[in-house]
Amino acid sequence: MVSSVQIAITAFGVSAFVSGVSTLINPSYTLDFLDLPLAALPSVRGNALAAIGMGIYYSLAAYQNNTAFFAASVPMRLLSASIFWAQGWQVASIWEGIGSIATGLALLWQLRLEKNKNE
């Protein structure tokens, strides 16, 4: 049975993958959206490739039900959210923050279900 944590991680992975692909297809949208100069185009493309990779490994971790990975992703994504916010990237910050909180809550819920099942 698929857990709520797997669903949360899969949703994040798919959204990262789609975001990366769409940025590779139309990087000028990201430049405009983030108010970046044309000189940032190589970095935007690099970030798009990173998002595609992240989407793949998050989806793989969800498929494998890798709870250690799920738990490790929560503080890192909260850190990312705070750094993105400080840079003025509110959309990316909110995306990371909501995703990490959803994953953390789903992990806690899963632990509670497993504890109740074992009692």
PDB file of N, CA and C in Angstrom:
ATOM      1  N   MET A   1       0.838  -1.177   0.000  1.00  0.00           N
ATOM      2  CA  MET A   1       0.000   0.000   0.000  1.00  0.00           C
ATOM      3  C   MET A   1       0.891   1.251   0.000  1.00  0.00           C
ATOM      4  N   VAL A   2       0.508   2.222  -0.781  1.00  0.00           N
ATOM      5  CA  VAL A   2       1.268   3.469  -0.887  1.00  0.00           C
ATOM      6  C   VAL A   2       0.964   4.340   0.327  1.00  0.00           C
ATOM      7  N   SER A   3       2.022   4.862   0.957  1.00  0.00           N
ATOM      8  CA  SER A   3       1.852   5.684   2.152  1.00  0.00           C
ATOM      9  C   SER A   3       1.679   7.151   1.770  1.00  0.00           C
ATOM     10  N   SER A   4       1.210   7.925   2.739  1.00  0.00           N
ATOM     11  CA  SER A   4       1.049   9.366   2.513  1.00  0.00           C
ATOM     12  C   SER A   4       2.404  10.033   2.285  1.00  0.00           C
ATOM     13  N   VAL A   5       3.450   9.494   2.886  1.00  0.00           N
ATOM     14  CA  VAL A   5       4.792  10.046   2.684  1.00  0.00           C
ATOM     15  C   VAL A   5       5.228   9.815   1.237  1.00  0.00           C
ATOM     16  N   GLN A   6       4.974   8.629   0.733  1.00  0.00           N
ATOM     17  CA  GLN A   6       5.326   8.343  -0.654  1.00  0.00           C
ATOM     18  C   GLN A   6       4.572   9.271  -1.610  1.00  0.00           C
ATOM     19  N   ILE A   7       3.327   9.550  -1.300  1.00  0.00           N
ATOM     20  CA  ILE A   7       2.538  10.455  -2.138  1.00  0.00           C
ATOM     21  C   ILE A   7       3.131  11.862  -2.102  1.00  0.00           C
ATOM     22  N   ALA A   8       3.479  12.345  -0.910  1.00  0.00           N
ATOM     23  CA  ALA A   8       4.052  13.690  -0.776  1.00  0.00           C
ATOM     24  C   ALA A   8       5.383  13.793  -1.517  1.00  0.00           C
ATOM     25  N   ILE A   9       6.237  12.793  -1.369  1.00  0.00           N
ATOM     26  CA  ILE A   9       7.543  12.811  -2.031  1.00  0.00           C
ATOM     27  C   ILE A   9       7.385  12.677  -3.546  1.00  0.00           C
ATOM     28  N   THR A  10       6.464  11.828  -3.983  1.00  0.00           N
ATOM     29  CA  THR A  10       6.215  11.687  -5.418  1.00  0.00           C
ATOM     30  C   THR A  10       5.711  12.998  -6.009  1.00  0.00           C
ATOM     31  N   ALA A  11       4.793  13.659  -5.305  1.00  0.00           N
ATOM     32  CA  ALA A  11       4.269  14.941  -5.796  1.00  0.00           C
ATOM     33  C   ALA A  11       5.398  15.951  -5.950  1.00  0.00           C
ATOM     34  N   PHE A  12       6.291  16.010  -4.975  1.00  0.00           N
ATOM     35  CA  PHE A  12       7.426  16.927  -5.058  1.00  0.00           C
ATOM     36  C   PHE A  12       8.335  16.536  -6.221  1.00  0.00           C
ATOM     37  N   GLY A  13       8.613  15.251  -6.348  1.00  0.00           N
ATOM     38  CA  GLY A  13       9.489  14.788  -7.424  1.00  0.00           C
ATOM     39  C   GLY A  13       8.934  15.087  -8.802  1.00  0.00           C
ATOM     40  N   VAL A  14       7.650  14.820  -8.987  1.00  0.00           N
ATOM     41  CA  VAL A  14       7.026  15.089 -10.287  1.00  0.00           C
ATOM     42  C   VAL A  14       7.016  16.588 -10.573  1.00  0.00           C
ATOM     43  N   SER A  15       6.697  17.394  -9.561  1.00  0.00           N
ATOM     44  CA  SER A  15       6.664  18.843  -9.789  1.00  0.00           C
ATOM     45  C   SER A  15       8.063  19.385 -10.090  1.00  0.00           C
ATOM     46  N   ALA A  16       9.094  18.851  -9.436  1.00  0.00           N
ATOM     47  CA  ALA A  16      10.467  19.275  -9.731  1.00  0.00           C
ATOM     48  C   ALA A  16      10.852  18.884 -11.153  1.00  0.00           C
ATOM     49  N   PHE A  17      10.500  17.672 -11.543  1.00  0.00           N
ATOM     50  CA  PHE A  17      10.814  17.192 -12.890  1.00  0.00           C
ATOM     51  C   PHE A  17      10.133  18.060 -13.948  1.00  0.00           C
ATOM     52  N   VAL A  18       8.840  18.311 -13.765  1.00  0.00           N
ATOM     53  CA  VAL A  18       8.085  19.130 -14.723  1.00  0.00           C
ATOM     54  C   VAL A  18       8.643  20.552 -14.775  1.00  0.00           C
ATOM     55  N   SER A  19       8.963  21.105 -13.610  1.00  0.00           N
ATOM     56  CA  SER A  19       9.542  22.448 -13.560  1.00  0.00           C
ATOM     57  C   SER A  19      10.868  22.495 -14.312  1.00  0.00           C
ATOM     58  N   GLY A  20      11.692  21.493 -14.114  1.00  0.00           N
ATOM     59  CA  GLY A  20      12.979  21.448 -14.802  1.00  0.00           C
ATOM     60  C   GLY A  20      12.833  21.345 -16.308  1.00  0.00           C
ATOM     61  N   VAL A  21      11.946  20.470 -16.749  1.00  0.00           N
ATOM     62  CA  VAL A  21      11.728  20.312 -18.190  1.00  0.00           C
ATOM     63  C   VAL A  21      11.174  21.599 -18.795  1.00  0.00           C
ATOM     64  N   SER A  22      10.187  22.196 -18.128  1.00  0.00           N
ATOM     65  CA  SER A  22       9.598  23.422 -18.677  1.00  0.00           C
ATOM     66  C   SER A  22      10.617  24.564 -18.703  1.00  0.00           C
ATOM     67  N   THR A  23      11.504  24.608 -17.725  1.00  0.00           N
ATOM     68  CA  THR A  23      12.545  25.643 -17.723  1.00  0.00           C
ATOM     69  C   THR A  23      13.556  25.405 -18.837  1.00  0.00           C
ATOM     70  N   LEU A  24      13.897  24.148 -19.102  1.00  0.00           N
ATOM     71  CA  LEU A  24      14.804  23.868 -20.220  1.00  0.00           C
ATOM     72  C   LEU A  24      14.171  24.247 -21.555  1.00  0.00           C
ATOM     73  N   ILE A  25      12.871  24.003 -21.676  1.00  0.00           N
ATOM     74  CA  ILE A  25      12.167  24.327 -22.919  1.00  0.00           C
ATOM     75  C   ILE A  25      12.037  25.834 -23.105  1.00  0.00           C
ATOM     76  N   ASN A  26      11.751  26.555 -22.021  1.00  0.00           N
ATOM     77  CA  ASN A  26      11.515  27.996 -22.098  1.00  0.00           C
ATOM     78  C   ASN A  26      12.248  28.723 -20.969  1.00  0.00           C
ATOM     79  N   PRO A  27      13.572  28.797 -21.031  1.00  0.00           N
ATOM     80  CA  PRO A  27      14.321  29.426 -19.942  1.00  0.00           C
ATOM     81  C   PRO A  27      14.057  30.926 -19.806  1.00  0.00           C
ATOM     82  N   SER A  28      13.633  31.563 -20.880  1.00  0.00           N
ATOM     83  CA  SER A  28      13.379  33.010 -20.800  1.00  0.00           C
ATOM     84  C   SER A  28      12.232  33.323 -19.844  1.00  0.00           C
ATOM     85  N   TYR A  29      11.277  32.402 -19.714  1.00  0.00           N
ATOM     86  CA  TYR A  29      10.189  32.615 -18.754  1.00  0.00           C
ATOM     87  C   TYR A  29      10.754  32.714 -17.336  1.00  0.00           C
ATOM     88  N   THR A  30      11.662  31.815 -16.995  1.00  0.00           N
ATOM     89  CA  THR A  30      12.256  31.827 -15.657  1.00  0.00           C
ATOM     90  C   THR A  30      13.089  33.087 -15.443  1.00  0.00           C
ATOM     91  N   LEU A  31      13.840  33.480 -16.461  1.00  0.00           N
ATOM     92  CA  LEU A  31      14.609  34.725 -16.347  1.00  0.00           C
ATOM     93  C   LEU A  31      13.683  35.903 -16.046  1.00  0.00           C
ATOM     94  N   ASP A  32      12.575  35.990 -16.786  1.00  0.00           N
ATOM     95  CA  ASP A  32      11.620  37.088 -16.577  1.00  0.00           C
ATOM     96  C   ASP A  32      10.940  36.982 -15.220  1.00  0.00           C
ATOM     97  N   PHE A  33      10.507  35.766 -14.867  1.00  0.00           N
ATOM     98  CA  PHE A  33       9.765  35.562 -13.622  1.00  0.00           C
ATOM     99  C   PHE A  33      10.604  35.932 -12.403  1.00  0.00           C
ATOM    100  N   LEU A  34      11.876  35.569 -12.443  1.00  0.00           N
ATOM    101  CA  LEU A  34      12.773  35.853 -11.316  1.00  0.00           C
ATOM    102  C   LEU A  34      13.512  37.179 -11.487  1.00  0.00           C
ATOM    103  N   ASP A  35      13.193  37.892 -12.560  1.00  0.00           N
ATOM    104  CA  ASP A  35      13.811  39.194 -12.832  1.00  0.00           C
ATOM    105  C   ASP A  35      15.335  39.076 -12.878  1.00  0.00           C
ATOM    106  N   LEU A  36      15.798  38.078 -13.639  1.00  0.00           N
ATOM    107  CA  LEU A  36      17.230  37.829 -13.772  1.00  0.00           C
ATOM    108  C   LEU A  36      17.734  38.366 -15.109  1.00  0.00           C
ATOM    109  N   PRO A  37      18.988  38.762 -15.163  1.00  0.00           N
ATOM    110  CA  PRO A  37      19.555  39.237 -16.432  1.00  0.00           C
ATOM    111  C   PRO A  37      19.826  38.065 -17.371  1.00  0.00           C
ATOM    112  N   LEU A  38      19.971  38.359 -18.645  1.00  0.00           N
ATOM    113  CA  LEU A  38      20.261  37.334 -19.640  1.00  0.00           C
ATOM    114  C   LEU A  38      21.552  36.579 -19.310  1.00  0.00           C
ATOM    115  N   ALA A  39      22.467  37.240 -18.629  1.00  0.00           N
ATOM    116  CA  ALA A  39      23.730  36.600 -18.241  1.00  0.00           C
ATOM    117  C   ALA A  39      23.506  35.417 -17.296  1.00  0.00           C
ATOM    118  N   ALA A  40      22.342  35.336 -16.671  1.00  0.00           N
ATOM    119  CA  ALA A  40      22.034  34.235 -15.754  1.00  0.00           C
ATOM    120  C   ALA A  40      21.527  32.991 -16.479  1.00  0.00           C
ATOM    121  N   LEU A  41      21.389  33.057 -17.798  1.00  0.00           N
ATOM    122  CA  LEU A  41      20.840  31.932 -18.560  1.00  0.00           C
ATOM    123  C   LEU A  41      21.578  30.612 -18.315  1.00  0.00           C
ATOM    124  N   PRO A  42      22.912  30.569 -18.317  1.00  0.00           N
ATOM    125  CA  PRO A  42      23.582  29.291 -18.027  1.00  0.00           C
ATOM    126  C   PRO A  42      23.226  28.733 -16.640  1.00  0.00           C
ATOM    127  N   SER A  43      23.108  29.592 -15.654  1.00  0.00           N
ATOM    128  CA  SER A  43      22.735  29.139 -14.306  1.00  0.00           C
ATOM    129  C   SER A  43      21.303  28.636 -14.276  1.00  0.00           C
ATOM    130  N   VAL A  44      20.417  29.305 -14.999  1.00  0.00           N
ATOM    131  CA  VAL A  44      19.016  28.869 -15.063  1.00  0.00           C
ATOM    132  C   VAL A  44      18.936  27.490 -15.706  1.00  0.00           C
ATOM    133  N   ARG A  45      19.683  27.286 -16.768  1.00  0.00           N
ATOM    134  CA  ARG A  45      19.690  25.964 -17.420  1.00  0.00           C
ATOM    135  C   ARG A  45      20.289  24.901 -16.494  1.00  0.00           C
ATOM    136  N   GLY A  46      21.349  25.250 -15.787  1.00  0.00           N
ATOM    137  CA  GLY A  46      21.936  24.311 -14.831  1.00  0.00           C
ATOM    138  C   GLY A  46      20.962  23.942 -13.728  1.00  0.00           C
ATOM    139  N   ASN A  47      20.233  24.929 -13.228  1.00  0.00           N
ATOM    140  CA  ASN A  47      19.222  24.657 -12.201  1.00  0.00           C
ATOM    141  C   ASN A  47      18.097  23.798 -12.752  1.00  0.00           C
ATOM    142  N   ALA A  48      17.762  23.986 -14.028  1.00  0.00           N
ATOM    143  CA  ALA A  48      16.727  23.155 -14.645  1.00  0.00           C
ATOM    144  C   ALA A  48      17.169  21.695 -14.683  1.00  0.00           C
ATOM    145  N   LEU A  49      18.425  21.469 -15.049  1.00  0.00           N
ATOM    146  CA  LEU A  49      18.944  20.096 -15.054  1.00  0.00           C
ATOM    147  C   LEU A  49      18.959  19.507 -13.651  1.00  0.00           C
ATOM    148  N   ALA A  50      19.320  20.321 -12.665  1.00  0.00           N
ATOM    149  CA  ALA A  50      19.306  19.854 -11.273  1.00  0.00           C
ATOM    150  C   ALA A  50      17.887  19.498 -10.843  1.00  0.00           C
ATOM    151  N   ALA A  51      16.907  20.291 -11.262  1.00  0.00           N
ATOM    152  CA  ALA A  51      15.510  20.008 -10.908  1.00  0.00           C
ATOM    153  C   ALA A  51      15.046  18.697 -11.539  1.00  0.00           C
ATOM    154  N   ILE A  52      15.466  18.444 -12.770  1.00  0.00           N
ATOM    155  CA  ILE A  52      15.114  17.178 -13.419  1.00  0.00           C
ATOM    156  C   ILE A  52      15.718  16.010 -12.640  1.00  0.00           C
ATOM    157  N   GLY A  53      16.997  16.121 -12.302  1.00  0.00           N
ATOM    158  CA  GLY A  53      17.639  15.068 -11.509  1.00  0.00           C
ATOM    159  C   GLY A  53      16.966  14.879 -10.165  1.00  0.00           C
ATOM    160  N   MET A  54      16.643  15.985  -9.510  1.00  0.00           N
ATOM    161  CA  MET A  54      15.972  15.920  -8.210  1.00  0.00           C
ATOM    162  C   MET A  54      14.613  15.234  -8.352  1.00  0.00           C
ATOM    163  N   GLY A  55      13.898  15.564  -9.419  1.00  0.00           N
ATOM    164  CA  GLY A  55      12.603  14.928  -9.648  1.00  0.00           C
ATOM    165  C   GLY A  55      12.732  13.425  -9.805  1.00  0.00           C
ATOM    166  N   ILE A  56      13.778  13.011 -10.498  1.00  0.00           N
ATOM    167  CA  ILE A  56      13.995  11.578 -10.705  1.00  0.00           C
ATOM    168  C   ILE A  56      14.344  10.890  -9.393  1.00  0.00           C
ATOM    169  N   TYR A  57      15.283  11.450  -8.618  1.00  0.00           N
ATOM    170  CA  TYR A  57      15.674  10.727  -7.403  1.00  0.00           C
ATOM    171  C   TYR A  57      14.630  10.805  -6.306  1.00  0.00           C
ATOM    172  N   TYR A  58      13.844  11.862  -6.244  1.00  0.00           N
ATOM    173  CA  TYR A  58      12.744  11.896  -5.279  1.00  0.00           C
ATOM    174  C   TYR A  58      11.689  10.852  -5.651  1.00  0.00           C
ATOM    175  N   SER A  59      11.391  10.732  -6.930  1.00  0.00           N
ATOM    176  CA  SER A  59      10.412   9.733  -7.368  1.00  0.00           C
ATOM    177  C   SER A  59      10.922   8.322  -7.107  1.00  0.00           C
ATOM    178  N   LEU A  60      12.208   8.097  -7.348  1.00  0.00           N
ATOM    179  CA  LEU A  60      12.799   6.788  -7.068  1.00  0.00           C
ATOM    180  C   LEU A  60      12.753   6.478  -5.576  1.00  0.00           C
ATOM    181  N   ALA A  61      13.073   7.457  -4.741  1.00  0.00           N
ATOM    182  CA  ALA A  61      13.015   7.255  -3.286  1.00  0.00           C
ATOM    183  C   ALA A  61      11.591   6.924  -2.845  1.00  0.00           C
ATOM    184  N   ALA A  62      10.607   7.582  -3.455  1.00  0.00           N
ATOM    185  CA  ALA A  62       9.208   7.291  -3.115  1.00  0.00           C
ATOM    186  C   ALA A  62       8.851   5.867  -3.523  1.00  0.00           C
ATOM    187  N   TYR A  63       9.263   5.460  -4.709  1.00  0.00           N
ATOM    188  CA  TYR A  63       8.995   4.107  -5.186  1.00  0.00           C
ATOM    189  C   TYR A  63       9.614   3.069  -4.255  1.00  0.00           C
ATOM    190  N   GLN A  64      10.818   3.359  -3.757  1.00  0.00           N
ATOM    191  CA  GLN A  64      11.525   2.434  -2.867  1.00  0.00           C
ATOM    192  C   GLN A  64      11.067   2.547  -1.414  1.00  0.00           C
ATOM    193  N   ASN A  65      10.203   3.513  -1.125  1.00  0.00           N
ATOM    194  CA  ASN A  65       9.736   3.788   0.236  1.00  0.00           C
ATOM    195  C   ASN A  65      10.926   3.987   1.183  1.00  0.00           C
ATOM    196  N   ASN A  66      11.839   4.844   0.766  1.00  0.00           N
ATOM    197  CA  ASN A  66      13.085   5.104   1.485  1.00  0.00           C
ATOM    198  C   ASN A  66      12.835   6.141   2.584  1.00  0.00           C
ATOM    199  N   THR A  67      12.410   5.668   3.753  1.00  0.00           N
ATOM    200  CA  THR A  67      12.026   6.593   4.827  1.00  0.00           C
ATOM    201  C   THR A  67      13.209   7.394   5.363  1.00  0.00           C
ATOM    202  N   ALA A  68      14.415   6.837   5.325  1.00  0.00           N
ATOM    203  CA  ALA A  68      15.589   7.608   5.756  1.00  0.00           C
ATOM    204  C   ALA A  68      15.783   8.816   4.840  1.00  0.00           C
ATOM    205  N   PHE A  69      15.600   8.618   3.559  1.00  0.00           N
ATOM    206  CA  PHE A  69      15.687   9.730   2.607  1.00  0.00           C
ATOM    207  C   PHE A  69      14.590  10.753   2.884  1.00  0.00           C
ATOM    208  N   PHE A  70      13.370  10.268   3.129  1.00  0.00           N
ATOM    209  CA  PHE A  70      12.252  11.182   3.401  1.00  0.00           C
ATOM    210  C   PHE A  70      12.581  12.070   4.598  1.00  0.00           C
ATOM    211  N   ALA A  71      13.062  11.444   5.671  1.00  0.00           N
ATOM    212  CA  ALA A  71      13.365  12.195   6.894  1.00  0.00           C
ATOM    213  C   ALA A  71      14.509  13.186   6.667  1.00  0.00           C
ATOM    214  N   ALA A  72      15.523  12.771   5.926  1.00  0.00           N
ATOM    215  CA  ALA A  72      16.659  13.660   5.667  1.00  0.00           C
ATOM    216  C   ALA A  72      16.272  14.842   4.785  1.00  0.00           C
ATOM    217  N   SER A  73      15.251  14.659   3.952  1.00  0.00           N
ATOM    218  CA  SER A  73      14.861  15.740   3.039  1.00  0.00           C
ATOM    219  C   SER A  73      14.159  16.891   3.757  1.00  0.00           C
ATOM    220  N   VAL A  74      13.523  16.620   4.885  1.00  0.00           N
ATOM    221  CA  VAL A  74      12.723  17.658   5.560  1.00  0.00           C
ATOM    222  C   VAL A  74      13.577  18.843   6.018  1.00  0.00           C
ATOM    223  N   PRO A  75      14.628  18.652   6.825  1.00  0.00           N
ATOM    224  CA  PRO A  75      15.399  19.831   7.253  1.00  0.00           C
ATOM    225  C   PRO A  75      16.112  20.529   6.093  1.00  0.00           C
ATOM    226  N   MET A  76      16.569  19.756   5.110  1.00  0.00           N
ATOM    227  CA  MET A  76      17.251  20.376   3.967  1.00  0.00           C
ATOM    228  C   MET A  76      16.290  21.258   3.181  1.00  0.00           C
ATOM    229  N   ARG A  77      15.073  20.790   3.003  1.00  0.00           N
ATOM    230  CA  ARG A  77      14.095  21.578   2.246  1.00  0.00           C
ATOM    231  C   ARG A  77      13.638  22.793   3.044  1.00  0.00           C
ATOM    232  N   LEU A  78      13.590  22.694   4.367  1.00  0.00           N
ATOM    233  CA  LEU A  78      13.281  23.879   5.180  1.00  0.00           C
ATOM    234  C   LEU A  78      14.403  24.907   5.071  1.00  0.00           C
ATOM    235  N   LEU A  79      15.648  24.440   5.064  1.00  0.00           N
ATOM    236  CA  LEU A  79      16.779  25.341   4.872  1.00  0.00           C
ATOM    237  C   LEU A  79      16.702  26.005   3.497  1.00  0.00           C
ATOM    238  N   SER A  80      16.407  25.217   2.481  1.00  0.00           N
ATOM    239  CA  SER A  80      16.252  25.777   1.136  1.00  0.00           C
ATOM    240  C   SER A  80      15.164  26.833   1.104  1.00  0.00           C
ATOM    241  N   ALA A  81      14.046  26.554   1.765  1.00  0.00           N
ATOM    242  CA  ALA A  81      12.937  27.513   1.794  1.00  0.00           C
ATOM    243  C   ALA A  81      13.367  28.828   2.427  1.00  0.00           C
ATOM    244  N   SER A  82      14.122  28.750   3.510  1.00  0.00           N
ATOM    245  CA  SER A  82      14.536  29.989   4.181  1.00  0.00           C
ATOM    246  C   SER A  82      15.534  30.777   3.333  1.00  0.00           C
ATOM    247  N   ILE A  83      16.433  30.085   2.659  1.00  0.00           N
ATOM    248  CA  ILE A  83      17.400  30.777   1.799  1.00  0.00           C
ATOM    249  C   ILE A  83      16.704  31.378   0.585  1.00  0.00           C
ATOM    250  N   PHE A  84      15.800  30.623  -0.024  1.00  0.00           N
ATOM    251  CA  PHE A  84      15.053  31.161  -1.167  1.00  0.00           C
ATOM    252  C   PHE A  84      14.267  32.402  -0.763  1.00  0.00           C
ATOM    253  N   TRP A  85      13.639  32.361   0.405  1.00  0.00           N
ATOM    254  CA  TRP A  85      12.858  33.512   0.876  1.00  0.00           C
ATOM    255  C   TRP A  85      13.759  34.739   1.041  1.00  0.00           C
ATOM    256  N   ALA A  86      14.927  34.531   1.638  1.00  0.00           N
ATOM    257  CA  ALA A  86      15.859  35.645   1.856  1.00  0.00           C
ATOM    258  C   ALA A  86      16.349  36.240   0.535  1.00  0.00           C
ATOM    259  N   GLN A  87      16.397  35.429  -0.512  1.00  0.00           N
ATOM    260  CA  GLN A  87      16.809  35.906  -1.830  1.00  0.00           C
ATOM    261  C   GLN A  87      15.676  36.583  -2.583  1.00  0.00           C
ATOM    262  N   GLY A  88      14.471  36.527  -2.035  1.00  0.00           N
ATOM    263  CA  GLY A  88      13.331  37.118  -2.712  1.00  0.00           C
ATOM    264  C   GLY A  88      12.599  36.167  -3.642  1.00  0.00           C
ATOM    265  N   TRP A  89      12.919  34.886  -3.567  1.00  0.00           N
ATOM    266  CA  TRP A  89      12.262  33.891  -4.413  1.00  0.00           C
ATOM    267  C   TRP A  89      11.105  33.258  -3.635  1.00  0.00           C
ATOM    268  N   GLN A  90      10.052  34.021  -3.426  1.00  0.00           N
ATOM    269  CA  GLN A  90       8.950  33.580  -2.581  1.00  0.00           C
ATOM    270  C   GLN A  90       8.245  32.332  -3.112  1.00  0.00           C
ATOM    271  N   VAL A  91       8.029  32.244  -4.422  1.00  0.00           N
ATOM    272  CA  VAL A  91       7.316  31.085  -4.971  1.00  0.00           C
ATOM    273  C   VAL A  91       8.101  29.802  -4.700  1.00  0.00           C
ATOM    274  N   ALA A  92       9.395  29.820  -4.996  1.00  0.00           N
ATOM    275  CA  ALA A  92      10.227  28.638  -4.737  1.00  0.00           C
ATOM    276  C   ALA A  92      10.289  28.333  -3.246  1.00  0.00           C
ATOM    277  N   SER A  93      10.345  29.377  -2.429  1.00  0.00           N
ATOM    278  CA  SER A  93      10.393  29.199  -0.978  1.00  0.00           C
ATOM    279  C   SER A  93       9.120  28.543  -0.457  1.00  0.00           C
ATOM    280  N   ILE A  94       7.990  29.028  -0.917  1.00  0.00           N
ATOM    281  CA  ILE A  94       6.704  28.463  -0.485  1.00  0.00           C
ATOM    282  C   ILE A  94       6.584  27.019  -0.954  1.00  0.00           C
ATOM    283  N   TRP A  95       6.997  26.741  -2.182  1.00  0.00           N
ATOM    284  CA  TRP A  95       6.961  25.383  -2.737  1.00  0.00           C
ATOM    285  C   TRP A  95       7.793  24.440  -1.871  1.00  0.00           C
ATOM    286  N   GLU A  96       9.013  24.845  -1.538  1.00  0.00           N
ATOM    287  CA  GLU A  96       9.885  24.019  -0.694  1.00  0.00           C
ATOM    288  C   GLU A  96       9.323  23.882   0.718  1.00  0.00           C
ATOM    289  N   GLY A  97       8.866  24.997   1.281  1.00  0.00           N
ATOM    290  CA  GLY A  97       8.363  24.982   2.653  1.00  0.00           C
ATOM    291  C   GLY A  97       7.141  24.102   2.821  1.00  0.00           C
ATOM    292  N   ILE A  98       6.167  24.272   1.933  1.00  0.00           N
ATOM    293  CA  ILE A  98       4.947  23.454   2.014  1.00  0.00           C
ATOM    294  C   ILE A  98       5.285  21.986   1.790  1.00  0.00           C
ATOM    295  N   GLY A  99       6.160  21.718   0.823  1.00  0.00           N
ATOM    296  CA  GLY A  99       6.549  20.331   0.557  1.00  0.00           C
ATOM    297  C   GLY A  99       7.246  19.679   1.737  1.00  0.00           C
ATOM    298  N   SER A 100       8.126  20.423   2.390  1.00  0.00           N
ATOM    299  CA  SER A 100       8.845  19.842   3.530  1.00  0.00           C
ATOM    300  C   SER A 100       7.922  19.636   4.723  1.00  0.00           C
ATOM    301  N   ILE A 101       7.034  20.579   4.962  1.00  0.00           N
ATOM    302  CA  ILE A 101       6.079  20.428   6.068  1.00  0.00           C
ATOM    303  C   ILE A 101       5.131  19.265   5.795  1.00  0.00           C
ATOM    304  N   ALA A 102       4.657  19.152   4.551  1.00  0.00           N
ATOM    305  CA  ALA A 102       3.770  18.035   4.197  1.00  0.00           C
ATOM    306  C   ALA A 102       4.485  16.701   4.383  1.00  0.00           C
ATOM    307  N   THR A 103       5.735  16.640   3.979  1.00  0.00           N
ATOM    308  CA  THR A 103       6.509  15.407   4.139  1.00  0.00           C
ATOM    309  C   THR A 103       6.723  15.089   5.613  1.00  0.00           C
ATOM    310  N   GLY A 104       7.087  16.085   6.405  1.00  0.00           N
ATOM    311  CA  GLY A 104       7.281  15.877   7.843  1.00  0.00           C
ATOM    312  C   GLY A 104       6.017  15.402   8.531  1.00  0.00           C
ATOM    313  N   LEU A 105       4.892  16.037   8.208  1.00  0.00           N
ATOM    314  CA  LEU A 105       3.615  15.619   8.804  1.00  0.00           C
ATOM    315  C   LEU A 105       3.237  14.210   8.362  1.00  0.00           C
ATOM    316  N   ALA A 106       3.470  13.900   7.096  1.00  0.00           N
ATOM    317  CA  ALA A 106       3.167  12.554   6.606  1.00  0.00           C
ATOM    318  C   ALA A 106       4.053  11.515   7.289  1.00  0.00           C
ATOM    319  N   LEU A 107       5.312  11.853   7.531  1.00  0.00           N
ATOM    320  CA  LEU A 107       6.201  10.936   8.262  1.00  0.00           C
ATOM    321  C   LEU A 107       5.699  10.690   9.678  1.00  0.00           C
ATOM    322  N   LEU A 108       5.311  11.766  10.359  1.00  0.00           N
ATOM    323  CA  LEU A 108       4.775  11.618  11.717  1.00  0.00           C
ATOM    324  C   LEU A 108       3.504  10.774  11.715  1.00  0.00           C
ATOM    325  N   TRP A 109       2.641  11.011  10.743  1.00  0.00           N
ATOM    326  CA  TRP A 109       1.398  10.239  10.628  1.00  0.00           C
ATOM    327  C   TRP A 109       1.711   8.764  10.400  1.00  0.00           C
ATOM    328  N   GLN A 110       2.674   8.483   9.522  1.00  0.00           N
ATOM    329  CA  GLN A 110       3.054   7.106   9.229  1.00  0.00           C
ATOM    330  C   GLN A 110       3.628   6.422  10.468  1.00  0.00           C
ATOM    331  N   LEU A 111       4.466   7.129  11.217  1.00  0.00           N
ATOM    332  CA  LEU A 111       5.015   6.565  12.456  1.00  0.00           C
ATOM    333  C   LEU A 111       3.907   6.248  13.451  1.00  0.00           C
ATOM    334  N   ARG A 112       2.940   7.138  13.541  1.00  0.00           N
ATOM    335  CA  ARG A 112       1.814   6.925  14.454  1.00  0.00           C
ATOM    336  C   ARG A 112       0.995   5.704  14.036  1.00  0.00           C
ATOM    337  N   LEU A 113       0.740   5.569  12.741  1.00  0.00           N
ATOM    338  CA  LEU A 113      -0.005   4.408  12.251  1.00  0.00           C
ATOM    339  C   LEU A 113       0.743   3.110  12.543  1.00  0.00           C
ATOM    340  N   GLU A 114       2.048   3.120  12.317  1.00  0.00           N
ATOM    341  CA  GLU A 114       2.847   1.922  12.573  1.00  0.00           C
ATOM    342  C   GLU A 114       2.890   1.585  14.055  1.00  0.00           C
ATOM    343  N   LYS A 115       2.966   2.609  14.906  1.00  0.00           N
ATOM    344  CA  LYS A 115       2.978   2.387  16.349  1.00  0.00           C
ATOM    345  C   LYS A 115       1.654   1.781  16.803  1.00  0.00           C
ATOM    346  N   ASN A 116       0.545   2.328  16.319  1.00  0.00           N
ATOM    347  CA  ASN A 116      -0.776   1.809  16.691  1.00  0.00           C
ATOM    348  C   ASN A 116      -0.988   0.397  16.162  1.00  0.00           C
ATOM    349  N   LYS A 117      -0.424   0.093  15.008  1.00  0.00           N
ATOM    350  CA  LYS A 117      -0.559  -1.229  14.409  1.00  0.00           C
ATOM    351  C   LYS A 117       0.186  -2.278  15.232  1.00  0.00           C
ATOM    352  N   ASN A 118       1.315  -1.878  15.816  1.00  0.00           N
ATOM    353  CA  ASN A 118       2.142  -2.804  16.592  1.00  0.00           C
ATOM    354  C   ASN A 118       1.650  -2.997  18.020  1.00  0.00           C
ATOM    355  N   GLU A 119       0.740  -2.162  18.467  1.00  0.00           N
ATOM    356  CA  GLU A 119       0.251  -2.285  19.852  1.00  0.00           C
ATOM    357  C   GLU A 119      -0.868  -3.282  19.960  1.00  0.00           C
TER     358      GLU A 119
END
